[in-house]
Amino acid sequence: MKRTVKILLMLALSSALLSGCNTARGVGEDIKAVGHAISHAAS
């Protein structure tokens, strides 16, 4: 169950990353969001 949730979370974040980062600032924010999601998924 946890693995499925992690996979779905990573898919959602990667799609947001690919569609939302139009500037250098946007890339930084997206990477930060991915880091937060990974740390929350790990705990």
PDB file of N, CA and C in Angstrom:
ATOM      1  N   MET A   1       0.830  -1.200   0.000  1.00  0.00           N
ATOM      2  CA  MET A   1       0.000   0.000   0.000  1.00  0.00           C
ATOM      3  C   MET A   1       0.868   1.256   0.000  1.00  0.00           C
ATOM      4  N   LYS A   2       1.877   1.283   0.869  1.00  0.00           N
ATOM      5  CA  LYS A   2       2.733   2.460   0.933  1.00  0.00           C
ATOM      6  C   LYS A   2       3.460   2.688  -0.383  1.00  0.00           C
ATOM      7  N   ARG A   3       3.882   1.588  -1.020  1.00  0.00           N
ATOM      8  CA  ARG A   3       4.608   1.720  -2.284  1.00  0.00           C
ATOM      9  C   ARG A   3       3.717   2.340  -3.358  1.00  0.00           C
ATOM     10  N   THR A   4       2.462   1.927  -3.393  1.00  0.00           N
ATOM     11  CA  THR A   4       1.527   2.474  -4.376  1.00  0.00           C
ATOM     12  C   THR A   4       1.323   3.961  -4.146  1.00  0.00           C
ATOM     13  N   VAL A   5       1.182   4.364  -2.898  1.00  0.00           N
ATOM     14  CA  VAL A   5       1.006   5.775  -2.578  1.00  0.00           C
ATOM     15  C   VAL A   5       2.246   6.558  -2.992  1.00  0.00           C
ATOM     16  N   LYS A   6       3.422   6.033  -2.717  1.00  0.00           N
ATOM     17  CA  LYS A   6       4.660   6.716  -3.103  1.00  0.00           C
ATOM     18  C   LYS A   6       4.762   6.872  -4.612  1.00  0.00           C
ATOM     19  N   ILE A   7       4.410   5.824  -5.342  1.00  0.00           N
ATOM     20  CA  ILE A   7       4.476   5.882  -6.799  1.00  0.00           C
ATOM     21  C   ILE A   7       3.493   6.913  -7.341  1.00  0.00           C
ATOM     22  N   LEU A   8       2.274   6.919  -6.822  1.00  0.00           N
ATOM     23  CA  LEU A   8       1.289   7.895  -7.272  1.00  0.00           C
ATOM     24  C   LEU A   8       1.722   9.317  -6.937  1.00  0.00           C
ATOM     25  N   LEU A   9       2.305   9.509  -5.772  1.00  0.00           N
ATOM     26  CA  LEU A   9       2.792  10.820  -5.375  1.00  0.00           C
ATOM     27  C   LEU A   9       3.913  11.286  -6.291  1.00  0.00           C
ATOM     28  N   MET A  10       4.838  10.402  -6.600  1.00  0.00           N
ATOM     29  CA  MET A  10       5.944  10.765  -7.482  1.00  0.00           C
ATOM     30  C   MET A  10       5.440  11.075  -8.898  1.00  0.00           C
ATOM     31  N   LEU A  11       4.456  10.328  -9.378  1.00  0.00           N
ATOM     32  CA  LEU A  11       3.889  10.615 -10.694  1.00  0.00           C
ATOM     33  C   LEU A  11       3.213  11.983 -10.723  1.00  0.00           C
ATOM     34  N   ALA A  12       2.464  12.286  -9.685  1.00  0.00           N
ATOM     35  CA  ALA A  12       1.790  13.573  -9.618  1.00  0.00           C
ATOM     36  C   ALA A  12       2.801  14.720  -9.549  1.00  0.00           C
ATOM     37  N   LEU A  13       3.828  14.544  -8.747  1.00  0.00           N
ATOM     38  CA  LEU A  13       4.827  15.598  -8.617  1.00  0.00           C
ATOM     39  C   LEU A  13       5.651  15.764  -9.887  1.00  0.00           C
ATOM     40  N   SER A  14       5.983  14.664 -10.531  1.00  0.00           N
ATOM     41  CA  SER A  14       6.763  14.784 -11.762  1.00  0.00           C
ATOM     42  C   SER A  14       5.941  15.444 -12.864  1.00  0.00           C
ATOM     43  N   SER A  15       4.643  15.170 -12.920  1.00  0.00           N
ATOM     44  CA  SER A  15       3.816  15.844 -13.928  1.00  0.00           C
ATOM     45  C   SER A  15       3.690  17.332 -13.613  1.00  0.00           C
ATOM     46  N   ALA A  16       3.586  17.675 -12.344  1.00  0.00           N
ATOM     47  CA  ALA A  16       3.542  19.085 -11.954  1.00  0.00           C
ATOM     48  C   ALA A  16       4.867  19.762 -12.270  1.00  0.00           C
ATOM     49  N   LEU A  17       5.952  19.053 -12.044  1.00  0.00           N
ATOM     50  CA  LEU A  17       7.276  19.597 -12.333  1.00  0.00           C
ATOM     51  C   LEU A  17       7.425  19.875 -13.820  1.00  0.00           C
ATOM     52  N   LEU A  18       7.007  18.957 -14.642  1.00  0.00           N
ATOM     53  CA  LEU A  18       7.159  19.112 -16.087  1.00  0.00           C
ATOM     54  C   LEU A  18       6.235  20.193 -16.652  1.00  0.00           C
ATOM     55  N   SER A  19       5.074  20.370 -16.068  1.00  0.00           N
ATOM     56  CA  SER A  19       4.130  21.337 -16.604  1.00  0.00           C
ATOM     57  C   SER A  19       4.259  22.724 -15.978  1.00  0.00           C
ATOM     58  N   GLY A  20       4.862  22.816 -14.804  1.00  0.00           N
ATOM     59  CA  GLY A  20       4.833  24.080 -14.083  1.00  0.00           C
ATOM     60  C   GLY A  20       6.105  24.888 -14.047  1.00  0.00           C
ATOM     61  N   CYS A  21       7.221  24.339 -14.477  1.00  0.00           N
ATOM     62  CA  CYS A  21       8.464  25.085 -14.311  1.00  0.00           C
ATOM     63  C   CYS A  21       8.842  25.799 -15.603  1.00  0.00           C
ATOM     64  N   ASN A  22       8.451  27.050 -15.709  1.00  0.00           N
ATOM     65  CA  ASN A  22       8.755  27.851 -16.886  1.00  0.00           C
ATOM     66  C   ASN A  22       9.938  28.785 -16.661  1.00  0.00           C
ATOM     67  N   THR A  23      10.311  28.986 -15.423  1.00  0.00           N
ATOM     68  CA  THR A  23      11.426  29.886 -15.121  1.00  0.00           C
ATOM     69  C   THR A  23      12.387  29.193 -14.168  1.00  0.00           C
ATOM     70  N   ALA A  24      13.534  29.790 -13.967  1.00  0.00           N
ATOM     71  CA  ALA A  24      14.512  29.236 -13.026  1.00  0.00           C
ATOM     72  C   ALA A  24      13.935  29.214 -11.615  1.00  0.00           C
ATOM     73  N   ARG A  25      13.180  30.209 -11.260  1.00  0.00           N
ATOM     74  CA  ARG A  25      12.549  30.253  -9.941  1.00  0.00           C
ATOM     75  C   ARG A  25      11.548  29.114  -9.797  1.00  0.00           C
ATOM     76  N   GLY A  26      10.787  28.853 -10.845  1.00  0.00           N
ATOM     77  CA  GLY A  26       9.805  27.772 -10.826  1.00  0.00           C
ATOM     78  C   GLY A  26      10.463  26.416 -10.661  1.00  0.00           C
ATOM     79  N   VAL A  27      11.629  26.229 -11.291  1.00  0.00           N
ATOM     80  CA  VAL A  27      12.356  24.969 -11.155  1.00  0.00           C
ATOM     81  C   VAL A  27      12.770  24.774  -9.700  1.00  0.00           C
ATOM     82  N   GLY A  28      13.286  25.812  -9.080  1.00  0.00           N
ATOM     83  CA  GLY A  28      13.697  25.724  -7.679  1.00  0.00           C
ATOM     84  C   GLY A  28      12.542  25.387  -6.762  1.00  0.00           C
ATOM     85  N   GLU A  29      11.413  26.009  -6.984  1.00  0.00           N
ATOM     86  CA  GLU A  29      10.227  25.730  -6.164  1.00  0.00           C
ATOM     87  C   GLU A  29       9.741  24.300  -6.370  1.00  0.00           C
ATOM     88  N   ASP A  30       9.778  23.835  -7.615  1.00  0.00           N
ATOM     89  CA  ASP A  30       9.341  22.469  -7.897  1.00  0.00           C
ATOM     90  C   ASP A  30      10.268  21.445  -7.247  1.00  0.00           C
ATOM     91  N   ILE A  31      11.568  21.683  -7.304  1.00  0.00           N
ATOM     92  CA  ILE A  31      12.525  20.771  -6.676  1.00  0.00           C
ATOM     93  C   ILE A  31      12.332  20.759  -5.165  1.00  0.00           C
ATOM     94  N   LYS A  32      12.069  21.912  -4.603  1.00  0.00           N
ATOM     95  CA  LYS A  32      11.817  22.005  -3.167  1.00  0.00           C
ATOM     96  C   LYS A  32      10.555  21.212  -2.788  1.00  0.00           C
ATOM     97  N   ALA A  33       9.523  21.320  -3.604  1.00  0.00           N
ATOM     98  CA  ALA A  33       8.277  20.591  -3.346  1.00  0.00           C
ATOM     99  C   ALA A  33       8.500  19.083  -3.421  1.00  0.00           C
ATOM    100  N   VAL A  34       9.302  18.650  -4.383  1.00  0.00           N
ATOM    101  CA  VAL A  34       9.604  17.223  -4.504  1.00  0.00           C
ATOM    102  C   VAL A  34      10.364  16.742  -3.274  1.00  0.00           C
ATOM    103  N   GLY A  35      11.317  17.542  -2.801  1.00  0.00           N
ATOM    104  CA  GLY A  35      12.068  17.181  -1.598  1.00  0.00           C
ATOM    105  C   GLY A  35      11.170  17.039  -0.390  1.00  0.00           C
ATOM    106  N   HIS A  36      10.228  17.964  -0.244  1.00  0.00           N
ATOM    107  CA  HIS A  36       9.285  17.884   0.880  1.00  0.00           C
ATOM    108  C   HIS A  36       8.410  16.632   0.765  1.00  0.00           C
ATOM    109  N   ALA A  37       7.949  16.342  -0.423  1.00  0.00           N
ATOM    110  CA  ALA A  37       7.092  15.166  -0.621  1.00  0.00           C
ATOM    111  C   ALA A  37       7.839  13.875  -0.319  1.00  0.00           C
ATOM    112  N   ILE A  38       9.087  13.819  -0.729  1.00  0.00           N
ATOM    113  CA  ILE A  38       9.883  12.620  -0.456  1.00  0.00           C
ATOM    114  C   ILE A  38      10.109  12.462   1.035  1.00  0.00           C
ATOM    115  N   SER A  39      10.418  13.556   1.725  1.00  0.00           N
ATOM    116  CA  SER A  39      10.650  13.448   3.162  1.00  0.00           C
ATOM    117  C   SER A  39       9.370  13.064   3.909  1.00  0.00           C
ATOM    118  N   HIS A  40       8.224  13.544   3.451  1.00  0.00           N
ATOM    119  CA  HIS A  40       6.952  13.166   4.082  1.00  0.00           C
ATOM    120  C   HIS A  40       6.612  11.720   3.776  1.00  0.00           C
ATOM    121  N   ALA A  41       6.912  11.254   2.576  1.00  0.00           N
ATOM    122  CA  ALA A  41       6.618   9.869   2.209  1.00  0.00           C
ATOM    123  C   ALA A  41       7.520   8.901   2.974  1.00  0.00           C
ATOM    124  N   ALA A  42       8.733   9.337   3.289  1.00  0.00           N
ATOM    125  CA  ALA A  42       9.673   8.462   3.988  1.00  0.00           C
ATOM    126  C   ALA A  42       9.342   8.330   5.465  1.00  0.00           C
ATOM    127  N   SER A  43       8.660   9.308   6.021  1.00  0.00           N
ATOM    128  CA  SER A  43       8.356   9.256   7.455  1.00  0.00           C
ATOM    129  C   SER A  43       7.005   8.668   7.757  1.00  0.00           C
TER     130      SER A  43
END
